[in-house]
Amino acid sequence: MKTEVAVFGGGCFWCTEAVFKMLRGVMSVAPGYAGGTTENPNYYKLHSDMGDHAEVVRVEFDPSQIAYRDLLTVFFASHDATQVNRQGYDIGREYRSLILYTSDTQKAEAEAFIAELNASSAAGDPIATGVAPLKKFYPAEREHVDFYARNPNSRYCELIIAPKLQKVQEEFATLLKTHAG
């Protein structure tokens, strides 16, 4: 099986991780930091203005089961890509919308997808999602891995993540993993 890697920053990585974990063809999802220049970033540096990375997820996927374009579709549907340096109540450069490509093909597809979105509605706000090459991915600390799965009853998970997951489940049922009874 041939796998590819895609990296997305859609605000809080707890949300983005939970969304991509639901999709068929996704082999693994890891929250982390990328898109900046600070060496060895961590959550606390990032959120104290000591870092310039974004919260991102590294998605390993099987392109024979899910297309990169499908990942882009879910990515853009699961966050507000018109907001600059924020997602809802999460404010700061670390929450910017970002696609870090790992191939020229991904770059071309991401740029074309954004152009399609911008052309689809002249009245809408322009897409603020940045597109750049992935230089280095730094895995997040252990407490951030599988955050939603481990804390589904926390206020943040109930109010912010659960509605996003419900939206993805309703709008993209054909892209979801199936679970045996």
N, C-alpha and C. Protein backbone atom coordinates (compact mmCIF):
# COMPACT_ATOMS: atom_id res chain seq x y z
N MET A 1 0.84 -1.17 0.00
CA MET A 1 0.00 0.00 0.00
C MET A 1 0.90 1.24 0.00
N LYS A 2 0.62 2.15 -0.92
CA LYS A 2 1.35 3.40 -1.02
C LYS A 2 0.60 4.46 -0.23
N THR A 3 1.27 5.14 0.68
CA THR A 3 0.62 6.20 1.44
C THR A 3 1.26 7.54 1.10
N GLU A 4 0.51 8.59 1.38
CA GLU A 4 0.99 9.96 1.22
C GLU A 4 0.77 10.69 2.53
N VAL A 5 1.41 11.83 2.66
CA VAL A 5 1.27 12.68 3.84
C VAL A 5 0.73 14.03 3.41
N ALA A 6 -0.26 14.51 4.14
CA ALA A 6 -0.80 15.85 3.97
C ALA A 6 -0.78 16.54 5.33
N VAL A 7 -0.56 17.85 5.34
CA VAL A 7 -0.51 18.59 6.60
C VAL A 7 -1.46 19.78 6.50
N PHE A 8 -2.35 19.88 7.49
CA PHE A 8 -3.38 20.91 7.51
C PHE A 8 -3.40 21.62 8.87
N GLY A 9 -3.56 22.94 8.81
CA GLY A 9 -3.79 23.74 10.01
C GLY A 9 -5.16 24.37 9.89
N GLY A 10 -6.08 23.93 10.70
CA GLY A 10 -7.45 24.44 10.63
C GLY A 10 -7.91 24.98 11.96
N GLY A 11 -7.04 25.70 12.65
CA GLY A 11 -7.35 26.18 13.99
C GLY A 11 -6.81 25.20 15.01
N CYS A 12 -7.55 24.95 16.03
CA CYS A 12 -7.14 24.04 17.10
C CYS A 12 -6.89 22.64 16.55
N PHE A 13 -5.73 22.08 16.84
CA PHE A 13 -5.43 20.75 16.30
C PHE A 13 -6.25 19.65 16.95
N TRP A 14 -6.85 19.89 18.10
CA TRP A 14 -7.75 18.89 18.69
C TRP A 14 -8.93 18.65 17.77
N CYS A 15 -9.48 19.74 17.21
CA CYS A 15 -10.62 19.64 16.30
C CYS A 15 -10.22 18.96 14.99
N THR A 16 -9.16 19.45 14.41
CA THR A 16 -8.73 18.96 13.10
C THR A 16 -8.35 17.49 13.16
N GLU A 17 -7.69 17.07 14.22
CA GLU A 17 -7.34 15.67 14.39
C GLU A 17 -8.60 14.80 14.44
N ALA A 18 -9.57 15.19 15.23
CA ALA A 18 -10.80 14.41 15.38
C ALA A 18 -11.54 14.28 14.05
N VAL A 19 -11.57 15.35 13.26
CA VAL A 19 -12.24 15.31 11.96
C VAL A 19 -11.57 14.31 11.03
N PHE A 20 -10.27 14.42 10.85
CA PHE A 20 -9.58 13.56 9.89
C PHE A 20 -9.53 12.09 10.32
N LYS A 21 -9.57 11.84 11.62
CA LYS A 21 -9.56 10.44 12.09
C LYS A 21 -10.80 9.68 11.66
N MET A 22 -11.88 10.38 11.32
CA MET A 22 -13.12 9.72 10.92
C MET A 22 -13.11 9.24 9.47
N LEU A 23 -12.17 9.69 8.69
CA LEU A 23 -12.21 9.46 7.25
C LEU A 23 -11.58 8.13 6.83
N ARG A 24 -12.25 7.44 5.92
CA ARG A 24 -11.70 6.19 5.40
C ARG A 24 -10.44 6.53 4.61
N GLY A 25 -9.51 5.61 4.60
CA GLY A 25 -8.26 5.82 3.88
C GLY A 25 -7.23 6.60 4.67
N VAL A 26 -7.63 7.16 5.81
CA VAL A 26 -6.69 7.87 6.67
C VAL A 26 -6.07 6.84 7.60
N MET A 27 -4.77 6.69 7.48
CA MET A 27 -4.06 5.68 8.27
C MET A 27 -3.66 6.20 9.66
N SER A 28 -3.27 7.47 9.71
CA SER A 28 -2.91 8.06 11.00
C SER A 28 -3.06 9.58 10.93
N VAL A 29 -3.30 10.17 12.10
CA VAL A 29 -3.39 11.62 12.23
C VAL A 29 -2.61 11.99 13.48
N ALA A 30 -1.66 12.90 13.32
CA ALA A 30 -0.85 13.33 14.45
C ALA A 30 -0.90 14.84 14.59
N PRO A 31 -1.30 15.35 15.76
CA PRO A 31 -1.25 16.79 15.98
C PRO A 31 0.19 17.24 16.18
N GLY A 32 0.45 18.48 15.79
CA GLY A 32 1.80 18.99 15.97
C GLY A 32 1.90 20.44 15.55
N TYR A 33 3.13 20.84 15.27
CA TYR A 33 3.44 22.22 14.96
C TYR A 33 4.25 22.27 13.68
N ALA A 34 3.93 23.24 12.82
CA ALA A 34 4.68 23.40 11.56
C ALA A 34 4.33 24.77 10.97
N GLY A 35 5.08 25.13 9.95
CA GLY A 35 4.80 26.37 9.24
C GLY A 35 5.57 27.56 9.74
N GLY A 36 6.45 27.37 10.70
CA GLY A 36 7.24 28.46 11.25
C GLY A 36 8.72 28.14 11.19
N THR A 37 9.50 28.91 11.92
CA THR A 37 10.95 28.72 11.90
C THR A 37 11.54 28.39 13.26
N THR A 38 10.76 28.51 14.32
CA THR A 38 11.25 28.23 15.67
C THR A 38 11.63 26.76 15.79
N GLU A 39 12.83 26.50 16.29
CA GLU A 39 13.28 25.12 16.51
C GLU A 39 12.61 24.54 17.74
N ASN A 40 12.22 23.29 17.65
CA ASN A 40 11.65 22.54 18.77
C ASN A 40 10.53 23.29 19.50
N PRO A 41 9.49 23.66 18.76
CA PRO A 41 8.38 24.36 19.42
C PRO A 41 7.61 23.42 20.34
N ASN A 42 6.89 24.01 21.26
CA ASN A 42 5.97 23.25 22.09
C ASN A 42 4.73 24.11 22.33
N TYR A 43 3.73 23.50 22.90
CA TYR A 43 2.43 24.15 23.10
C TYR A 43 2.58 25.44 23.89
N TYR A 44 3.38 25.41 24.92
CA TYR A 44 3.47 26.56 25.81
C TYR A 44 4.23 27.71 25.16
N LYS A 45 5.28 27.41 24.41
CA LYS A 45 5.99 28.46 23.67
C LYS A 45 5.08 29.07 22.61
N LEU A 46 4.37 28.21 21.91
CA LEU A 46 3.50 28.66 20.83
C LEU A 46 2.43 29.61 21.33
N HIS A 47 1.88 29.32 22.49
CA HIS A 47 0.79 30.12 23.01
C HIS A 47 1.25 31.26 23.91
N SER A 48 2.54 31.48 24.00
CA SER A 48 3.06 32.62 24.76
C SER A 48 3.81 33.56 23.83
N ASP A 49 3.49 33.50 22.54
CA ASP A 49 4.12 34.35 21.52
C ASP A 49 5.62 34.13 21.39
N MET A 50 6.10 32.97 21.80
CA MET A 50 7.52 32.65 21.65
C MET A 50 7.77 31.77 20.44
N GLY A 51 6.74 31.50 19.67
CA GLY A 51 6.89 30.65 18.50
C GLY A 51 6.08 31.17 17.34
N ASP A 52 6.38 30.70 16.15
CA ASP A 52 5.69 31.20 14.96
C ASP A 52 5.04 30.08 14.15
N HIS A 53 4.95 28.90 14.72
CA HIS A 53 4.32 27.78 14.03
C HIS A 53 2.80 27.85 14.19
N ALA A 54 2.12 27.03 13.41
CA ALA A 54 0.67 26.86 13.55
C ALA A 54 0.40 25.50 14.17
N GLU A 55 -0.74 25.38 14.83
CA GLU A 55 -1.20 24.06 15.25
C GLU A 55 -1.68 23.36 13.97
N VAL A 56 -1.14 22.18 13.70
CA VAL A 56 -1.46 21.44 12.47
C VAL A 56 -1.67 19.97 12.79
N VAL A 57 -2.15 19.24 11.78
CA VAL A 57 -2.18 17.78 11.87
C VAL A 57 -1.47 17.21 10.66
N ARG A 58 -0.73 16.16 10.91
CA ARG A 58 -0.05 15.41 9.86
C ARG A 58 -0.93 14.19 9.57
N VAL A 59 -1.45 14.12 8.35
CA VAL A 59 -2.38 13.08 7.97
C VAL A 59 -1.68 12.12 6.99
N GLU A 60 -1.56 10.87 7.40
CA GLU A 60 -1.04 9.85 6.49
C GLU A 60 -2.26 9.15 5.91
N PHE A 61 -2.33 9.10 4.57
CA PHE A 61 -3.51 8.54 3.93
C PHE A 61 -3.14 7.67 2.74
N ASP A 62 -4.08 6.80 2.39
CA ASP A 62 -3.94 5.91 1.25
C ASP A 62 -4.71 6.52 0.09
N PRO A 63 -4.04 7.05 -0.93
CA PRO A 63 -4.74 7.72 -2.02
C PRO A 63 -5.60 6.79 -2.87
N SER A 64 -5.45 5.48 -2.71
CA SER A 64 -6.34 4.56 -3.42
C SER A 64 -7.71 4.47 -2.71
N GLN A 65 -7.78 4.96 -1.46
CA GLN A 65 -9.04 4.94 -0.71
C GLN A 65 -9.67 6.32 -0.55
N ILE A 66 -8.86 7.35 -0.52
CA ILE A 66 -9.38 8.72 -0.40
C ILE A 66 -8.45 9.65 -1.16
N ALA A 67 -9.03 10.49 -1.98
CA ALA A 67 -8.26 11.42 -2.79
C ALA A 67 -7.85 12.64 -1.97
N TYR A 68 -6.74 13.24 -2.33
CA TYR A 68 -6.29 14.47 -1.68
C TYR A 68 -7.37 15.55 -1.80
N ARG A 69 -8.06 15.60 -2.94
CA ARG A 69 -9.14 16.58 -3.12
C ARG A 69 -10.25 16.36 -2.09
N ASP A 70 -10.54 15.10 -1.75
CA ASP A 70 -11.54 14.84 -0.71
C ASP A 70 -11.07 15.36 0.65
N LEU A 71 -9.78 15.21 0.93
CA LEU A 71 -9.23 15.75 2.17
C LEU A 71 -9.37 17.28 2.18
N LEU A 72 -9.09 17.91 1.05
CA LEU A 72 -9.25 19.35 0.95
C LEU A 72 -10.71 19.76 1.17
N THR A 73 -11.64 19.02 0.59
CA THR A 73 -13.06 19.32 0.73
C THR A 73 -13.47 19.29 2.20
N VAL A 74 -13.08 18.25 2.91
CA VAL A 74 -13.42 18.12 4.34
C VAL A 74 -12.71 19.21 5.14
N PHE A 75 -11.46 19.47 4.82
CA PHE A 75 -10.70 20.51 5.52
C PHE A 75 -11.42 21.85 5.44
N PHE A 76 -11.79 22.26 4.23
CA PHE A 76 -12.43 23.57 4.07
C PHE A 76 -13.85 23.60 4.64
N ALA A 77 -14.52 22.47 4.68
CA ALA A 77 -15.88 22.42 5.23
C ALA A 77 -15.89 22.40 6.75
N SER A 78 -14.77 22.06 7.36
CA SER A 78 -14.76 21.87 8.82
C SER A 78 -14.14 23.04 9.59
N HIS A 79 -13.80 24.11 8.90
CA HIS A 79 -13.34 25.31 9.60
C HIS A 79 -13.63 26.54 8.73
N ASP A 80 -13.48 27.72 9.30
CA ASP A 80 -13.73 28.96 8.55
C ASP A 80 -12.41 29.46 7.97
N ALA A 81 -12.19 29.14 6.72
CA ALA A 81 -10.93 29.47 6.05
C ALA A 81 -10.83 30.93 5.65
N THR A 82 -11.85 31.72 5.97
CA THR A 82 -11.80 33.15 5.66
C THR A 82 -11.27 33.97 6.83
N GLN A 83 -11.16 33.35 7.99
CA GLN A 83 -10.67 34.07 9.16
C GLN A 83 -9.14 34.12 9.15
N VAL A 84 -8.59 35.25 9.53
CA VAL A 84 -7.15 35.43 9.58
C VAL A 84 -6.68 35.26 11.02
N ASN A 85 -5.77 34.33 11.22
CA ASN A 85 -5.16 34.10 12.54
C ASN A 85 -6.16 33.86 13.65
N ARG A 86 -7.18 33.06 13.33
CA ARG A 86 -8.15 32.70 14.36
C ARG A 86 -9.11 31.65 13.82
N GLN A 87 -9.78 30.98 14.74
CA GLN A 87 -10.92 30.12 14.46
C GLN A 87 -11.86 30.30 15.64
N GLY A 88 -12.92 31.04 15.42
CA GLY A 88 -13.88 31.29 16.49
C GLY A 88 -13.22 32.01 17.66
N TYR A 89 -13.29 31.40 18.83
CA TYR A 89 -12.72 32.00 20.04
C TYR A 89 -11.22 31.77 20.17
N ASP A 90 -10.67 30.90 19.33
CA ASP A 90 -9.23 30.64 19.36
C ASP A 90 -8.55 31.69 18.48
N ILE A 91 -7.84 32.61 19.12
CA ILE A 91 -7.25 33.74 18.41
C ILE A 91 -5.73 33.71 18.55
N GLY A 92 -5.06 33.92 17.43
CA GLY A 92 -3.61 33.97 17.41
C GLY A 92 -3.08 33.35 16.13
N ARG A 93 -1.85 33.69 15.80
CA ARG A 93 -1.22 33.18 14.57
C ARG A 93 -1.15 31.65 14.55
N GLU A 94 -1.08 31.05 15.73
CA GLU A 94 -1.00 29.59 15.82
C GLU A 94 -2.27 28.91 15.34
N TYR A 95 -3.36 29.67 15.21
CA TYR A 95 -4.64 29.10 14.76
C TYR A 95 -4.96 29.44 13.30
N ARG A 96 -3.96 29.90 12.57
CA ARG A 96 -4.20 30.28 11.18
C ARG A 96 -4.54 29.07 10.32
N SER A 97 -5.27 29.32 9.25
CA SER A 97 -5.63 28.29 8.29
C SER A 97 -4.45 28.09 7.35
N LEU A 98 -4.02 26.84 7.22
CA LEU A 98 -2.76 26.58 6.53
C LEU A 98 -2.75 25.20 5.90
N ILE A 99 -2.25 25.13 4.67
CA ILE A 99 -1.99 23.85 4.01
C ILE A 99 -0.50 23.80 3.74
N LEU A 100 0.15 22.77 4.27
CA LEU A 100 1.57 22.56 4.02
C LEU A 100 1.71 21.34 3.11
N TYR A 101 2.06 21.58 1.87
CA TYR A 101 2.09 20.50 0.88
C TYR A 101 3.39 19.71 0.96
N THR A 102 3.28 18.45 0.55
CA THR A 102 4.44 17.55 0.55
C THR A 102 4.83 17.13 -0.86
N SER A 103 4.14 17.68 -1.86
CA SER A 103 4.49 17.39 -3.26
C SER A 103 3.99 18.54 -4.13
N ASP A 104 4.55 18.63 -5.33
CA ASP A 104 4.10 19.65 -6.27
C ASP A 104 2.65 19.43 -6.67
N THR A 105 2.24 18.18 -6.72
CA THR A 105 0.84 17.85 -7.05
C THR A 105 -0.09 18.40 -5.98
N GLN A 106 0.25 18.20 -4.71
CA GLN A 106 -0.58 18.74 -3.63
C GLN A 106 -0.64 20.26 -3.70
N LYS A 107 0.49 20.90 -3.98
CA LYS A 107 0.52 22.36 -4.10
C LYS A 107 -0.46 22.81 -5.18
N ALA A 108 -0.38 22.20 -6.35
CA ALA A 108 -1.24 22.59 -7.47
C ALA A 108 -2.71 22.35 -7.14
N GLU A 109 -3.02 21.21 -6.52
CA GLU A 109 -4.41 20.91 -6.16
C GLU A 109 -4.94 21.88 -5.11
N ALA A 110 -4.13 22.21 -4.11
CA ALA A 110 -4.57 23.13 -3.06
C ALA A 110 -4.80 24.53 -3.63
N GLU A 111 -3.89 25.00 -4.46
CA GLU A 111 -4.04 26.33 -5.05
C GLU A 111 -5.26 26.39 -5.97
N ALA A 112 -5.48 25.34 -6.76
CA ALA A 112 -6.65 25.29 -7.65
C ALA A 112 -7.94 25.24 -6.85
N PHE A 113 -7.95 24.48 -5.76
CA PHE A 113 -9.14 24.36 -4.91
C PHE A 113 -9.49 25.72 -4.31
N ILE A 114 -8.49 26.43 -3.81
CA ILE A 114 -8.72 27.75 -3.22
C ILE A 114 -9.24 28.71 -4.29
N ALA A 115 -8.68 28.65 -5.48
CA ALA A 115 -9.15 29.50 -6.57
C ALA A 115 -10.62 29.20 -6.89
N GLU A 116 -10.99 27.92 -6.90
CA GLU A 116 -12.39 27.54 -7.13
C GLU A 116 -13.30 28.11 -6.04
N LEU A 117 -12.87 28.00 -4.80
CA LEU A 117 -13.68 28.52 -3.69
C LEU A 117 -13.84 30.03 -3.81
N ASN A 118 -12.77 30.73 -4.10
CA ASN A 118 -12.84 32.18 -4.24
C ASN A 118 -13.73 32.59 -5.41
N ALA A 119 -13.71 31.83 -6.49
CA ALA A 119 -14.51 32.14 -7.67
C ALA A 119 -15.98 31.77 -7.48
N SER A 120 -16.27 30.90 -6.53
CA SER A 120 -17.64 30.40 -6.36
C SER A 120 -18.60 31.43 -5.79
N SER A 121 -18.08 32.45 -5.13
CA SER A 121 -18.96 33.46 -4.53
C SER A 121 -18.25 34.80 -4.48
N ALA A 122 -18.62 35.67 -5.38
CA ALA A 122 -18.01 37.00 -5.40
C ALA A 122 -18.37 37.80 -4.16
N ALA A 123 -19.49 37.49 -3.53
CA ALA A 123 -19.94 38.23 -2.35
C ALA A 123 -19.27 37.74 -1.07
N GLY A 124 -18.71 36.55 -1.09
CA GLY A 124 -18.12 35.98 0.12
C GLY A 124 -16.74 36.54 0.42
N ASP A 125 -16.30 36.33 1.65
CA ASP A 125 -14.95 36.74 2.03
C ASP A 125 -13.93 35.85 1.33
N PRO A 126 -12.78 36.39 0.97
CA PRO A 126 -11.77 35.56 0.32
C PRO A 126 -11.16 34.55 1.28
N ILE A 127 -10.69 33.46 0.73
CA ILE A 127 -10.02 32.42 1.51
C ILE A 127 -8.69 32.98 2.02
N ALA A 128 -8.44 32.82 3.31
CA ALA A 128 -7.22 33.32 3.93
C ALA A 128 -6.19 32.21 4.16
N THR A 129 -6.50 31.01 3.72
CA THR A 129 -5.63 29.85 3.94
C THR A 129 -4.31 30.02 3.22
N GLY A 130 -3.23 29.88 3.96
CA GLY A 130 -1.90 29.91 3.36
C GLY A 130 -1.54 28.56 2.77
N VAL A 131 -0.74 28.57 1.72
CA VAL A 131 -0.24 27.34 1.10
C VAL A 131 1.28 27.47 1.02
N ALA A 132 1.98 26.52 1.62
CA ALA A 132 3.44 26.57 1.67
C ALA A 132 3.99 25.15 1.73
N PRO A 133 5.27 24.98 1.40
CA PRO A 133 5.86 23.65 1.51
C PRO A 133 6.06 23.26 2.98
N LEU A 134 5.90 21.98 3.27
CA LEU A 134 6.19 21.49 4.61
C LEU A 134 7.71 21.41 4.75
N LYS A 135 8.24 22.15 5.69
CA LYS A 135 9.68 22.10 5.94
C LYS A 135 10.00 21.10 7.03
N LYS A 136 9.26 21.21 8.14
CA LYS A 136 9.48 20.28 9.24
C LYS A 136 8.20 20.22 10.08
N PHE A 137 7.88 19.02 10.52
CA PHE A 137 6.74 18.80 11.40
C PHE A 137 7.27 18.40 12.76
N TYR A 138 6.76 19.05 13.79
CA TYR A 138 7.12 18.72 15.17
C TYR A 138 5.89 18.12 15.86
N PRO A 139 5.96 16.87 16.30
CA PRO A 139 4.80 16.27 16.98
C PRO A 139 4.45 17.03 18.26
N ALA A 140 3.17 17.10 18.54
CA ALA A 140 2.69 17.73 19.77
C ALA A 140 2.98 16.84 20.97
N GLU A 141 2.90 17.44 22.12
CA GLU A 141 3.09 16.71 23.36
C GLU A 141 2.00 15.66 23.51
N ARG A 142 2.31 14.62 24.26
CA ARG A 142 1.42 13.47 24.42
C ARG A 142 0.00 13.85 24.86
N GLU A 143 -0.13 14.87 25.72
CA GLU A 143 -1.46 15.23 26.23
C GLU A 143 -2.39 15.78 25.15
N HIS A 144 -1.83 16.14 23.99
CA HIS A 144 -2.65 16.66 22.89
C HIS A 144 -3.06 15.58 21.89
N VAL A 145 -2.46 14.43 21.96
CA VAL A 145 -2.76 13.33 21.04
C VAL A 145 -4.08 12.67 21.45
N ASP A 146 -4.97 12.49 20.48
CA ASP A 146 -6.29 11.89 20.74
C ASP A 146 -7.06 12.65 21.82
N PHE A 147 -6.92 13.96 21.84
CA PHE A 147 -7.54 14.76 22.89
C PHE A 147 -9.05 14.56 22.94
N TYR A 148 -9.71 14.64 21.79
CA TYR A 148 -11.16 14.49 21.78
C TYR A 148 -11.58 13.09 22.24
N ALA A 149 -10.91 12.08 21.75
CA ALA A 149 -11.25 10.69 22.11
C ALA A 149 -11.10 10.46 23.61
N ARG A 150 -10.12 11.12 24.22
CA ARG A 150 -9.87 10.93 25.65
C ARG A 150 -10.70 11.86 26.53
N ASN A 151 -11.24 12.96 25.93
CA ASN A 151 -11.95 13.97 26.73
C ASN A 151 -13.27 14.40 26.10
N PRO A 152 -14.10 13.47 25.63
CA PRO A 152 -15.31 13.89 24.90
C PRO A 152 -16.29 14.70 25.74
N ASN A 153 -16.21 14.59 27.05
CA ASN A 153 -17.16 15.30 27.91
C ASN A 153 -16.64 16.64 28.43
N SER A 154 -15.43 17.03 28.00
CA SER A 154 -14.94 18.35 28.42
C SER A 154 -15.77 19.43 27.72
N ARG A 155 -15.87 20.58 28.31
CA ARG A 155 -16.68 21.67 27.75
C ARG A 155 -16.24 22.01 26.33
N TYR A 156 -14.94 22.14 26.11
CA TYR A 156 -14.44 22.50 24.78
C TYR A 156 -14.86 21.45 23.76
N CYS A 157 -14.70 20.19 24.12
CA CYS A 157 -15.06 19.11 23.19
C CYS A 157 -16.56 19.11 22.89
N GLU A 158 -17.37 19.30 23.91
CA GLU A 158 -18.82 19.29 23.72
C GLU A 158 -19.29 20.49 22.88
N LEU A 159 -18.74 21.67 23.15
CA LEU A 159 -19.22 22.89 22.51
C LEU A 159 -18.58 23.18 21.14
N ILE A 160 -17.34 22.78 20.97
CA ILE A 160 -16.61 23.15 19.74
C ILE A 160 -16.38 21.96 18.82
N ILE A 161 -15.84 20.87 19.36
CA ILE A 161 -15.45 19.75 18.50
C ILE A 161 -16.65 18.90 18.07
N ALA A 162 -17.51 18.54 19.00
CA ALA A 162 -18.64 17.66 18.67
C ALA A 162 -19.50 18.21 17.53
N PRO A 163 -19.85 19.51 17.51
CA PRO A 163 -20.63 20.00 16.37
C PRO A 163 -19.89 19.89 15.03
N LYS A 164 -18.58 20.08 15.04
CA LYS A 164 -17.81 19.92 13.80
C LYS A 164 -17.87 18.47 13.31
N LEU A 165 -17.73 17.55 14.25
CA LEU A 165 -17.77 16.13 13.88
C LEU A 165 -19.15 15.76 13.34
N GLN A 166 -20.19 16.29 13.97
CA GLN A 166 -21.55 16.00 13.49
C GLN A 166 -21.74 16.54 12.08
N LYS A 167 -21.25 17.72 11.82
CA LYS A 167 -21.36 18.31 10.48
C LYS A 167 -20.66 17.44 9.44
N VAL A 168 -19.45 17.01 9.76
CA VAL A 168 -18.70 16.15 8.82
C VAL A 168 -19.43 14.83 8.62
N GLN A 169 -19.96 14.26 9.68
CA GLN A 169 -20.69 12.99 9.56
C GLN A 169 -21.91 13.14 8.67
N GLU A 170 -22.60 14.25 8.78
CA GLU A 170 -23.80 14.48 7.97
C GLU A 170 -23.47 14.79 6.52
N GLU A 171 -22.48 15.64 6.30
CA GLU A 171 -22.17 16.11 4.94
C GLU A 171 -21.27 15.18 4.14
N PHE A 172 -20.50 14.34 4.82
CA PHE A 172 -19.52 13.52 4.13
C PHE A 172 -19.60 12.04 4.51
N ALA A 173 -20.82 11.55 4.66
CA ALA A 173 -21.02 10.16 5.09
C ALA A 173 -20.29 9.16 4.18
N THR A 174 -20.21 9.44 2.91
CA THR A 174 -19.55 8.50 1.98
C THR A 174 -18.04 8.46 2.17
N LEU A 175 -17.48 9.41 2.88
CA LEU A 175 -16.03 9.43 3.11
C LEU A 175 -15.62 8.87 4.47
N LEU A 176 -16.61 8.49 5.28
CA LEU A 176 -16.31 8.05 6.64
C LEU A 176 -15.89 6.59 6.70
N LYS A 177 -15.10 6.28 7.71
CA LYS A 177 -14.76 4.90 7.99
C LYS A 177 -16.03 4.17 8.43
N THR A 178 -16.15 2.90 8.09
CA THR A 178 -17.26 2.12 8.58
C THR A 178 -16.77 1.29 9.76
N HIS A 179 -17.61 1.16 10.73
CA HIS A 179 -17.25 0.39 11.92
C HIS A 179 -18.06 -0.88 11.97
N ALA A 180 -17.39 -1.99 12.17
CA ALA A 180 -18.10 -3.27 12.31
C ALA A 180 -18.78 -3.29 13.67
N GLY A 181 -20.03 -3.78 13.66
CA GLY A 181 -20.90 -3.83 14.80
C GLY A 181 -20.32 -4.20 16.07
